[in-house]
Amino acid sequence: MIKHFRIQCTFRVLLLTITVGLLFYIWFQFKMYNVVVIGSSMVIFQVYALIRYVEKTNRQVNRFLDAIKYEDFSQSFSGTGLGSSFDELKASFTDVLNKFKQTRAEKEEHYRYLQTVVQHVGIGLISFQTNGHVELINAAAKRLLKVSQIRNIKSLTEFSPELVQTMLAIRPGEKALLKIQDGDELLQLAVYAIEFVLRQQKIRLVSIQNIQSELEEQEMEAWQKLIRVLTHEIMNSVTPIASLAGTVNEMLTEVSFPDNACNEEHHESIDDIRSAVKTIEKRSQGLINFVESYRQLTRIPRPDFKIYPVRQLFNEMLQLIGAQHEDKTIEFTISVEPQSLELTADPELIEQVLINLLNNAIYAVKEKPDARIELIGRMDDRGRTALQVADNGVGIVKEVQEKIFIPFFTTKREGSGIGLSLSRQIMRMHRGTISVHSELHKGTVFTLRF
């Protein structure tokens, strides 16, 4: 009961009243100044103690507000035994703090959820202030831009000045397309921006996506549709011609004439017709075979994925190429880093791609006295497995580099123009890419990225 707030206040007030009364009694009856002075000090102390005790509620409220202000939800408020009003105050304080604690936990969970989503999304995201100070950058943007962390987007100038200028100048709601040559890889970037206000500060959120693979896939689908239409129409027209030419040739073979001078002219005419029909049959059959070769672009089997060492793949390729080409003047080398590098792909399809690239490299270096071809396996700057076929041949002019993956396009006299197109489609089926980087009179590098 001594801790009860009301009893305490009543007791202190009564004690203060009694003390004051005694002081007045002693002053008027005995004139004892020393006792009055000491008693006055006791009165002052009791008044101070009473005020401080009464202000205990204010201190509790102040501590409660500080706990909210500094988000210190470990505080507890004791009011047991001080009366029902203090019990209610303590319960209210505890309830409010628990609500704040719950709200904060939900807020942190929501923040972690959004962070996980932002970091997991495959599109690069960068948010920054008007002065370029970066507020957020997700994992996809770091991989794309090959950075671990940046403070200001102007530090990306070394990667691409055009990209930095675009991100600073692009208007909210607009979309921009950029073509960036990053070493031996071509990037087609789609940049989109929005703006919002956070803490009275303008924030620009920019999304960056490499759409090179999507463009290549759409291009390949368009070529496949065209090839299917062309081959279908050509085969429908040429097959009957070839069949009829063969039938006519057989009929002419069975025709016979008596051996006399008057039929010599007929003999010559029949021979000419037979020769012409043979030519028609031969060329028709050749055209059929030609069309059938282009149908390969639409008949690639689905990859049968396996895991196997890159070095083993390279060794088998060199053995195969060595058996096909007896030219000993070309120096072949293999470089794999790390040595245990493995590839998840269809071995037969990837071998076909490498054979095409090696044959092209051999053709490019055949006039070089110090001909070299190197097979390289490594992890690229974005953590992807990369296989490269590099040569020191004559190189490819820039205008041709943009066309070499187009079906039917070739720079060889005996070429069909489907090797590199077929290679690109195989890589697309592996969710990978094939690119070329070449300099005239220095060499060419074809890169397969998985």
Protein backbone atom coordinates (compact mmCIF):
# COMPACT_ATOMS: atom_id res chain seq x y z
CA MET A 1 0.00 0.00 0.00
CA ILE A 2 3.00 2.29 0.58
CA LYS A 3 3.62 2.32 -3.22
CA HIS A 4 0.07 3.39 -4.01
CA PHE A 5 0.20 6.77 -5.72
CA ARG A 6 -2.86 8.29 -4.06
CA ILE A 7 -1.87 7.13 -0.57
CA GLN A 8 1.63 8.46 -1.14
CA CYS A 9 0.34 11.85 -2.24
CA THR A 10 -2.12 12.05 0.68
CA PHE A 11 0.55 11.02 3.16
CA ARG A 12 3.05 13.55 1.80
CA VAL A 13 0.50 16.39 1.85
CA LEU A 14 -0.54 15.55 5.45
CA LEU A 15 3.11 15.35 6.51
CA LEU A 16 3.81 18.70 4.84
CA THR A 17 0.75 20.25 6.55
CA ILE A 18 1.75 18.91 9.97
CA THR A 19 5.31 20.13 9.48
CA VAL A 20 4.15 23.64 8.54
CA GLY A 21 1.72 23.70 11.48
CA LEU A 22 4.45 22.68 13.93
CA LEU A 23 6.73 25.36 12.55
CA PHE A 24 4.11 28.06 13.11
CA TYR A 25 3.38 26.72 16.61
CA ILE A 26 7.08 26.72 17.57
CA TRP A 27 7.54 30.19 16.05
CA PHE A 28 4.72 31.80 17.98
CA GLN A 29 5.10 29.88 21.27
CA PHE A 30 8.83 29.43 21.80
CA LYS A 31 10.57 31.72 19.27
CA MET A 32 13.11 28.97 18.52
CA TYR A 33 14.72 30.34 15.35
CA ASN A 34 17.11 27.44 14.82
CA VAL A 35 14.30 24.92 14.92
CA VAL A 36 12.24 27.07 12.50
CA VAL A 37 15.14 27.27 10.03
CA ILE A 38 15.67 23.53 10.14
CA GLY A 39 11.94 22.95 9.85
CA SER A 40 11.73 25.31 6.87
CA SER A 41 14.44 23.27 5.13
CA MET A 42 12.41 20.16 5.82
CA VAL A 43 9.32 21.83 4.33
CA ILE A 44 11.22 22.86 1.20
CA PHE A 45 12.57 19.32 0.83
CA GLN A 46 9.11 17.83 1.27
CA VAL A 47 7.65 20.21 -1.34
CA TYR A 48 10.45 19.26 -3.78
CA ALA A 49 9.94 15.56 -3.09
CA LEU A 50 6.19 15.91 -3.58
CA ILE A 51 6.60 17.77 -6.88
CA ARG A 52 9.16 15.24 -8.15
CA TYR A 53 6.94 12.36 -7.12
CA VAL A 54 3.95 13.88 -8.86
CA GLU A 55 6.05 14.57 -11.99
CA LYS A 56 6.97 10.88 -12.21
CA THR A 57 4.09 10.48 -14.68
CA ASN A 58 5.62 13.16 -16.93
CA ARG A 59 8.97 11.39 -16.84
CA GLN A 60 7.30 8.13 -17.82
CA VAL A 61 5.53 9.88 -20.72
CA ASN A 62 8.80 11.54 -21.77
CA ARG A 63 10.63 8.18 -21.69
CA PHE A 64 7.80 6.65 -23.72
CA LEU A 65 8.06 9.39 -26.38
CA ASP A 66 11.86 9.03 -26.49
CA ALA A 67 11.46 5.28 -27.01
CA ILE A 68 9.21 5.97 -30.01
CA LYS A 69 11.47 8.73 -31.30
CA TYR A 70 14.60 6.56 -31.25
CA GLU A 71 12.72 3.34 -32.07
CA ASP A 72 13.90 1.74 -28.82
CA PHE A 73 11.21 -0.87 -28.32
CA SER A 74 13.13 -2.68 -25.60
CA GLN A 75 11.75 -0.22 -22.98
CA SER A 76 9.25 -1.40 -20.35
CA PHE A 77 7.03 0.68 -18.04
CA SER A 78 6.33 -0.41 -14.47
CA GLY A 79 3.28 0.89 -12.63
CA THR A 80 2.36 -2.05 -10.44
CA GLY A 81 0.96 -1.02 -7.06
CA LEU A 82 0.63 2.67 -7.96
CA GLY A 83 -3.08 2.45 -8.54
CA SER A 84 -5.54 1.58 -11.26
CA SER A 85 -4.84 4.74 -13.28
CA PHE A 86 -1.13 3.87 -13.47
CA ASP A 87 -1.97 0.31 -14.41
CA GLU A 88 -4.03 1.67 -17.30
CA LEU A 89 -1.19 4.04 -18.27
CA LYS A 90 1.34 1.22 -18.21
CA ALA A 91 -0.99 -0.99 -20.28
CA SER A 92 -1.51 1.83 -22.81
CA PHE A 93 2.25 2.47 -23.08
CA THR A 94 2.93 -1.24 -23.59
CA ASP A 95 0.18 -1.61 -26.20
CA VAL A 96 1.40 1.39 -28.17
CA LEU A 97 5.01 0.16 -28.12
CA ASN A 98 3.92 -3.32 -29.18
CA LYS A 99 1.96 -1.79 -32.08
CA PHE A 100 4.97 0.26 -33.13
CA LYS A 101 7.18 -2.80 -32.77
CA GLN A 102 4.82 -4.86 -34.92
CA THR A 103 4.56 -2.09 -37.51
CA ARG A 104 8.34 -1.78 -37.64
CA ALA A 105 8.74 -5.54 -38.06
CA GLU A 106 6.19 -5.54 -40.89
CA LYS A 107 7.94 -2.57 -42.48
CA GLU A 108 11.31 -4.32 -42.31
CA GLU A 109 9.82 -7.53 -43.75
CA HIS A 110 8.22 -5.53 -46.57
CA TYR A 111 11.53 -3.76 -47.22
CA ARG A 112 13.44 -7.05 -47.31
CA TYR A 113 10.79 -8.48 -49.64
CA LEU A 114 11.11 -5.52 -52.03
CA GLN A 115 14.91 -5.73 -51.85
CA THR A 116 14.77 -9.42 -52.72
CA VAL A 117 12.45 -8.73 -55.66
CA VAL A 118 14.61 -5.85 -56.92
CA GLN A 119 17.81 -7.89 -56.64
CA HIS A 120 16.25 -10.97 -58.21
CA VAL A 121 14.65 -9.29 -61.23
CA GLY A 122 16.57 -9.85 -64.45
CA ILE A 123 16.38 -6.24 -65.65
CA GLY A 124 19.05 -3.80 -64.46
CA LEU A 125 17.70 -1.06 -62.16
CA ILE A 126 19.52 2.09 -61.01
CA SER A 127 17.99 4.92 -58.96
CA PHE A 128 19.91 8.15 -58.50
CA GLN A 129 19.48 11.79 -57.52
CA THR A 130 19.66 14.72 -59.93
CA ASN A 131 23.37 15.14 -59.12
CA GLY A 132 24.02 11.51 -60.10
CA HIS A 133 24.37 10.13 -56.56
CA VAL A 134 23.27 6.48 -56.72
CA GLU A 135 20.58 5.42 -54.23
CA LEU A 136 20.12 1.82 -55.43
CA ILE A 137 21.60 -0.56 -57.96
CA ASN A 138 20.49 -4.18 -58.29
CA ALA A 139 22.48 -7.31 -59.12
CA ALA A 140 21.38 -7.41 -62.77
CA ALA A 141 22.69 -3.87 -63.36
CA LYS A 142 25.99 -4.75 -61.65
CA ARG A 143 26.46 -7.77 -63.91
CA LEU A 144 25.51 -5.84 -67.04
CA LEU A 145 27.75 -2.87 -66.26
CA LYS A 146 30.51 -5.03 -64.71
CA VAL A 147 30.70 -3.09 -61.42
CA SER A 148 30.54 -4.20 -57.80
CA GLN A 149 29.31 -0.87 -56.44
CA ILE A 150 29.07 2.73 -57.61
CA ARG A 151 28.46 6.01 -55.80
CA ASN A 152 27.75 8.18 -58.81
CA ILE A 153 26.59 7.20 -62.28
CA LYS A 154 29.23 9.46 -63.78
CA SER A 155 31.75 6.80 -62.79
CA LEU A 156 30.23 4.67 -65.59
CA THR A 157 31.76 7.01 -68.18
CA GLU A 158 34.64 4.58 -68.64
CA PHE A 159 32.15 1.83 -69.52
CA SER A 160 30.08 3.97 -71.89
CA PRO A 161 29.87 7.77 -72.08
CA GLU A 162 26.74 7.45 -74.25
CA LEU A 163 24.97 5.45 -71.54
CA VAL A 164 25.73 8.03 -68.84
CA GLN A 165 24.61 10.90 -71.06
CA THR A 166 21.40 9.05 -71.93
CA MET A 167 20.54 8.28 -68.28
CA LEU A 168 21.02 11.94 -67.30
CA ALA A 169 19.21 13.41 -70.30
CA ILE A 170 16.35 10.97 -70.89
CA ARG A 171 12.93 12.33 -69.98
CA PRO A 172 10.61 10.47 -67.61
CA GLY A 173 8.45 8.01 -69.50
CA GLU A 174 10.75 7.94 -72.55
CA LYS A 175 12.65 4.94 -73.89
CA ALA A 176 16.03 5.02 -75.61
CA LEU A 177 17.97 2.36 -77.54
CA LEU A 178 21.77 2.24 -77.40
CA LYS A 179 24.28 0.08 -79.25
CA ILE A 180 27.47 -0.40 -77.22
CA GLN A 181 30.55 -2.42 -78.18
CA ASP A 182 31.89 -3.93 -74.96
CA GLY A 183 35.15 -5.56 -75.98
CA ASP A 184 34.22 -8.50 -78.22
CA GLU A 185 30.53 -8.35 -77.23
CA LEU A 186 27.83 -6.18 -78.79
CA LEU A 187 25.18 -4.85 -76.38
CA GLN A 188 21.81 -3.54 -77.53
CA LEU A 189 20.50 -1.64 -74.49
CA ALA A 190 16.92 -0.50 -73.94
CA VAL A 191 16.86 2.35 -71.38
CA TYR A 192 13.62 3.49 -69.70
CA ALA A 193 13.27 6.14 -66.95
CA ILE A 194 10.70 7.41 -64.45
CA GLU A 195 10.93 10.08 -61.72
CA PHE A 196 9.44 10.38 -58.23
CA VAL A 197 9.97 12.46 -55.10
CA LEU A 198 11.40 10.85 -51.96
CA ARG A 199 12.26 12.87 -48.83
CA GLN A 200 11.77 16.08 -50.81
CA GLN A 201 14.43 14.87 -53.24
CA LYS A 202 13.88 14.06 -56.93
CA ILE A 203 14.84 10.47 -57.65
CA ARG A 204 15.19 9.02 -61.15
CA LEU A 205 14.72 5.27 -61.61
CA VAL A 206 16.28 3.88 -64.79
CA SER A 207 15.87 0.36 -66.12
CA ILE A 208 18.55 -1.04 -68.44
CA GLN A 209 17.99 -4.23 -70.43
CA ASN A 210 20.21 -5.92 -72.97
CA ILE A 211 17.81 -6.90 -75.76
CA GLN A 212 20.50 -8.21 -78.14
CA SER A 213 19.44 -11.84 -77.67
CA GLU A 214 15.75 -10.97 -78.19
CA LEU A 215 16.57 -9.09 -81.40
CA GLU A 216 18.65 -12.01 -82.67
CA GLU A 217 15.88 -14.45 -81.83
CA GLN A 218 13.27 -12.40 -83.67
CA GLU A 219 15.62 -12.09 -86.63
CA MET A 220 16.18 -15.84 -86.72
CA GLU A 221 12.43 -16.51 -86.50
CA ALA A 222 11.83 -14.12 -89.41
CA TRP A 223 14.51 -15.84 -91.52
CA GLN A 224 13.12 -19.26 -90.67
CA LYS A 225 9.64 -18.24 -91.77
CA LEU A 226 11.05 -16.85 -95.03
CA ILE A 227 13.12 -19.98 -95.64
CA ARG A 228 10.15 -22.26 -95.00
CA VAL A 229 8.04 -20.33 -97.50
CA LEU A 230 10.79 -20.20 -100.15
CA THR A 231 11.81 -23.84 -99.84
CA HIS A 232 8.20 -24.98 -99.93
CA GLU A 233 7.43 -23.04 -103.09
CA ILE A 234 10.71 -23.98 -104.79
CA MET A 235 10.32 -27.66 -103.97
CA ASN A 236 6.72 -27.69 -105.24
CA SER A 237 7.91 -26.24 -108.56
CA VAL A 238 11.25 -28.00 -109.06
CA THR A 239 10.36 -31.54 -107.97
CA PRO A 240 7.88 -32.12 -110.85
CA ILE A 241 10.40 -30.66 -113.31
CA ALA A 242 13.12 -33.03 -112.13
CA SER A 243 10.73 -35.97 -112.25
CA LEU A 244 9.47 -35.13 -115.74
CA ALA A 245 13.01 -34.54 -116.99
CA GLY A 246 14.03 -38.00 -115.75
CA THR A 247 11.01 -39.60 -117.41
CA VAL A 248 11.66 -37.83 -120.73
CA ASN A 249 15.32 -38.84 -120.61
CA GLU A 250 14.35 -42.49 -120.16
CA MET A 251 11.87 -42.24 -123.05
CA LEU A 252 14.52 -40.73 -125.33
CA THR A 253 16.96 -43.48 -124.42
CA GLU A 254 14.48 -46.10 -125.65
CA VAL A 255 14.01 -44.35 -129.06
CA SER A 256 15.97 -46.03 -131.88
CA PHE A 257 16.39 -45.22 -135.58
CA PRO A 258 17.75 -47.23 -138.51
CA ASP A 259 21.34 -46.48 -139.31
CA ASN A 260 21.03 -44.69 -142.64
CA ALA A 261 22.09 -41.34 -143.90
CA CYS A 262 18.61 -39.82 -143.98
CA ASN A 263 18.18 -40.31 -140.24
CA GLU A 264 21.49 -38.75 -139.23
CA GLU A 265 19.77 -35.41 -138.77
CA HIS A 266 17.19 -37.03 -136.46
CA HIS A 267 20.00 -38.70 -134.49
CA GLU A 268 21.66 -35.36 -133.90
CA SER A 269 18.36 -33.73 -132.85
CA ILE A 270 17.58 -36.54 -130.42
CA ASP A 271 21.08 -36.33 -128.93
CA ASP A 272 20.68 -32.59 -128.47
CA ILE A 273 17.29 -33.06 -126.80
CA ARG A 274 18.66 -35.84 -124.60
CA SER A 275 21.58 -33.65 -123.56
CA ALA A 276 19.26 -30.75 -122.78
CA VAL A 277 16.93 -32.98 -120.75
CA LYS A 278 19.89 -34.40 -118.80
CA THR A 279 21.01 -30.86 -118.05
CA ILE A 280 17.53 -29.92 -116.84
CA GLU A 281 17.37 -33.05 -114.67
CA LYS A 282 20.83 -32.47 -113.24
CA ARG A 283 20.25 -28.81 -112.44
CA SER A 284 16.81 -29.53 -111.00
CA GLN A 285 18.26 -32.21 -108.75
CA GLY A 286 21.06 -29.83 -107.78
CA LEU A 287 18.50 -27.17 -106.89
CA ILE A 288 16.58 -29.69 -104.81
CA ASN A 289 19.76 -30.60 -102.92
CA PHE A 290 20.52 -26.91 -102.50
CA VAL A 291 17.07 -26.24 -101.02
CA GLU A 292 17.36 -29.28 -98.75
CA SER A 293 20.59 -27.89 -97.29
CA TYR A 294 18.79 -24.69 -96.30
CA ARG A 295 16.03 -26.67 -94.68
CA GLN A 296 18.59 -27.58 -92.02
CA LEU A 297 17.94 -24.15 -90.48
CA THR A 298 14.42 -25.26 -89.58
CA ARG A 299 15.23 -28.87 -88.62
CA ILE A 300 17.74 -28.53 -85.78
CA PRO A 301 17.01 -31.14 -83.09
CA ARG A 302 16.41 -30.09 -79.50
CA PRO A 303 19.66 -30.00 -77.48
CA ASP A 304 20.43 -33.00 -75.29
CA PHE A 305 22.21 -31.21 -72.45
CA LYS A 306 25.22 -32.83 -70.80
CA ILE A 307 28.04 -31.63 -68.57
CA TYR A 308 31.53 -32.22 -69.96
CA PRO A 309 35.03 -30.64 -69.73
CA VAL A 310 35.88 -27.86 -72.16
CA ARG A 311 39.46 -29.06 -72.60
CA GLN A 312 38.24 -32.51 -73.69
CA LEU A 313 35.93 -30.85 -76.24
CA PHE A 314 38.82 -28.78 -77.64
CA ASN A 315 41.13 -31.79 -77.89
CA GLU A 316 38.53 -33.75 -79.85
CA MET A 317 37.99 -30.78 -82.17
CA LEU A 318 41.68 -30.50 -83.00
CA GLN A 319 41.91 -34.23 -83.70
CA LEU A 320 38.92 -34.00 -86.03
CA ILE A 321 40.21 -30.90 -87.84
CA GLY A 322 43.67 -32.42 -88.11
CA ALA A 323 42.22 -35.45 -89.88
CA GLN A 324 40.29 -33.24 -92.32
CA HIS A 325 43.07 -30.72 -93.05
CA GLU A 326 46.60 -31.95 -93.64
CA ASP A 327 48.05 -28.43 -93.67
CA LYS A 328 50.88 -28.57 -91.11
CA THR A 329 51.77 -24.88 -91.43
CA ILE A 330 48.95 -23.79 -89.12
CA GLU A 331 49.77 -23.64 -85.39
CA PHE A 332 46.85 -24.79 -83.22
CA THR A 333 46.83 -24.00 -79.49
CA ILE A 334 44.41 -24.57 -76.61
CA SER A 335 43.92 -22.28 -73.60
CA VAL A 336 41.43 -23.15 -70.81
CA GLU A 337 41.14 -21.18 -67.57
CA PRO A 338 40.35 -22.59 -65.09
CA GLN A 339 41.56 -26.02 -66.11
CA SER A 340 38.45 -27.66 -64.66
CA LEU A 341 36.08 -25.47 -66.72
CA GLU A 342 32.96 -27.41 -67.72
CA LEU A 343 30.13 -26.75 -70.15
CA THR A 344 26.46 -27.68 -69.99
CA ALA A 345 25.35 -28.14 -73.60
CA ASP A 346 24.66 -30.65 -76.36
CA PRO A 347 28.14 -31.96 -77.36
CA GLU A 348 27.18 -32.86 -80.93
CA LEU A 349 25.55 -29.50 -81.69
CA ILE A 350 28.38 -27.49 -80.13
CA GLU A 351 30.91 -29.59 -82.06
CA GLN A 352 29.08 -28.63 -85.27
CA VAL A 353 29.38 -24.95 -84.34
CA LEU A 354 33.10 -25.27 -83.54
CA ILE A 355 33.74 -27.16 -86.80
CA ASN A 356 32.13 -24.30 -88.75
CA LEU A 357 34.22 -21.71 -86.93
CA LEU A 358 37.46 -23.69 -87.27
CA ASN A 359 36.89 -24.19 -91.01
CA ASN A 360 36.31 -20.44 -91.38
CA ALA A 361 39.49 -19.72 -89.39
CA ILE A 362 41.52 -22.11 -91.56
CA TYR A 363 40.18 -20.37 -94.68
CA ALA A 364 41.12 -16.97 -93.18
CA VAL A 365 44.76 -17.87 -92.36
CA LYS A 366 45.61 -19.97 -95.42
CA GLU A 367 47.64 -17.12 -96.95
CA LYS A 368 49.49 -16.26 -93.72
CA PRO A 369 53.04 -17.54 -93.31
CA ASP A 370 52.74 -17.57 -89.49
CA ALA A 371 49.16 -18.89 -89.35
CA ARG A 372 47.82 -19.40 -85.82
CA ILE A 373 44.43 -20.59 -84.53
CA GLU A 374 43.65 -20.70 -80.82
CA LEU A 375 40.79 -22.34 -78.93
CA ILE A 376 40.06 -20.46 -75.70
CA GLY A 377 37.79 -21.44 -72.81
CA ARG A 378 37.18 -19.02 -69.94
CA MET A 379 34.65 -17.25 -67.71
CA ASP A 380 33.76 -13.81 -69.04
CA ASP A 381 33.40 -10.61 -67.00
CA ARG A 382 29.73 -11.37 -66.28
CA GLY A 383 30.35 -14.88 -64.99
CA ARG A 384 29.28 -16.76 -68.13
CA THR A 385 31.12 -19.65 -69.76
CA ALA A 386 32.72 -18.45 -73.00
CA LEU A 387 34.35 -20.42 -75.81
CA GLN A 388 36.43 -18.56 -78.40
CA VAL A 389 38.00 -19.39 -81.77
CA ALA A 390 40.71 -16.83 -82.53
CA ASP A 391 42.88 -16.53 -85.63
CA ASN A 392 45.43 -14.10 -86.98
CA GLY A 393 43.99 -14.09 -90.49
CA VAL A 394 43.05 -11.30 -92.85
CA GLY A 395 40.14 -10.10 -90.69
CA ILE A 396 36.62 -9.02 -91.65
CA VAL A 397 35.57 -5.54 -92.64
CA LYS A 398 33.02 -3.87 -90.36
CA GLU A 399 30.25 -3.83 -92.95
CA VAL A 400 30.59 -7.59 -93.49
CA GLN A 401 30.64 -8.33 -89.73
CA GLU A 402 27.06 -7.09 -89.50
CA LYS A 403 25.93 -9.49 -92.26
CA ILE A 404 27.83 -12.73 -91.74
CA PHE A 405 25.09 -14.29 -89.58
CA ILE A 406 22.40 -13.63 -92.22
CA PRO A 407 21.31 -16.79 -94.07
CA PHE A 408 22.62 -17.11 -97.65
CA PHE A 409 25.31 -14.45 -97.07
CA THR A 410 28.86 -15.67 -97.72
CA THR A 411 32.23 -14.30 -98.76
CA LYS A 412 33.51 -17.68 -100.03
CA ARG A 413 33.24 -18.76 -103.62
CA GLU A 414 32.22 -22.28 -102.58
CA GLY A 415 30.26 -21.21 -99.50
CA SER A 416 26.54 -21.81 -99.01
CA GLY A 417 25.97 -19.08 -96.43
CA ILE A 418 24.30 -21.30 -93.84
CA GLY A 419 27.22 -22.25 -91.55
CA LEU A 420 27.19 -19.17 -89.31
CA SER A 421 23.40 -18.87 -89.48
CA LEU A 422 23.13 -22.46 -88.33
CA SER A 423 25.65 -21.77 -85.57
CA ARG A 424 23.66 -18.79 -84.31
CA GLN A 425 20.46 -20.82 -84.22
CA ILE A 426 22.19 -23.63 -82.30
CA MET A 427 23.44 -21.10 -79.75
CA ARG A 428 19.96 -19.59 -79.45
CA MET A 429 18.62 -23.07 -78.65
CA HIS A 430 21.24 -23.21 -75.87
CA ARG A 431 20.05 -19.82 -74.54
CA GLY A 432 23.43 -18.45 -75.56
CA THR A 433 24.91 -16.05 -78.08
CA ILE A 434 27.56 -16.00 -80.79
CA SER A 435 29.44 -12.81 -81.64
CA VAL A 436 32.40 -11.73 -83.73
CA HIS A 437 35.15 -9.18 -83.20
CA SER A 438 37.59 -8.59 -86.04
CA GLU A 439 40.25 -6.15 -87.19
CA LEU A 440 41.59 -6.05 -90.72
CA HIS A 441 45.01 -7.70 -91.13
CA LYS A 442 45.09 -8.55 -87.40
CA GLY A 443 42.65 -11.39 -86.94
CA THR A 444 39.17 -12.48 -85.93
CA VAL A 445 37.66 -13.81 -82.70
CA PHE A 446 34.34 -15.67 -82.61
CA THR A 447 32.88 -15.96 -79.09
CA LEU A 448 30.25 -18.40 -77.87
CA ARG A 449 28.61 -17.37 -74.58
CA PHE A 450 26.42 -19.72 -72.56
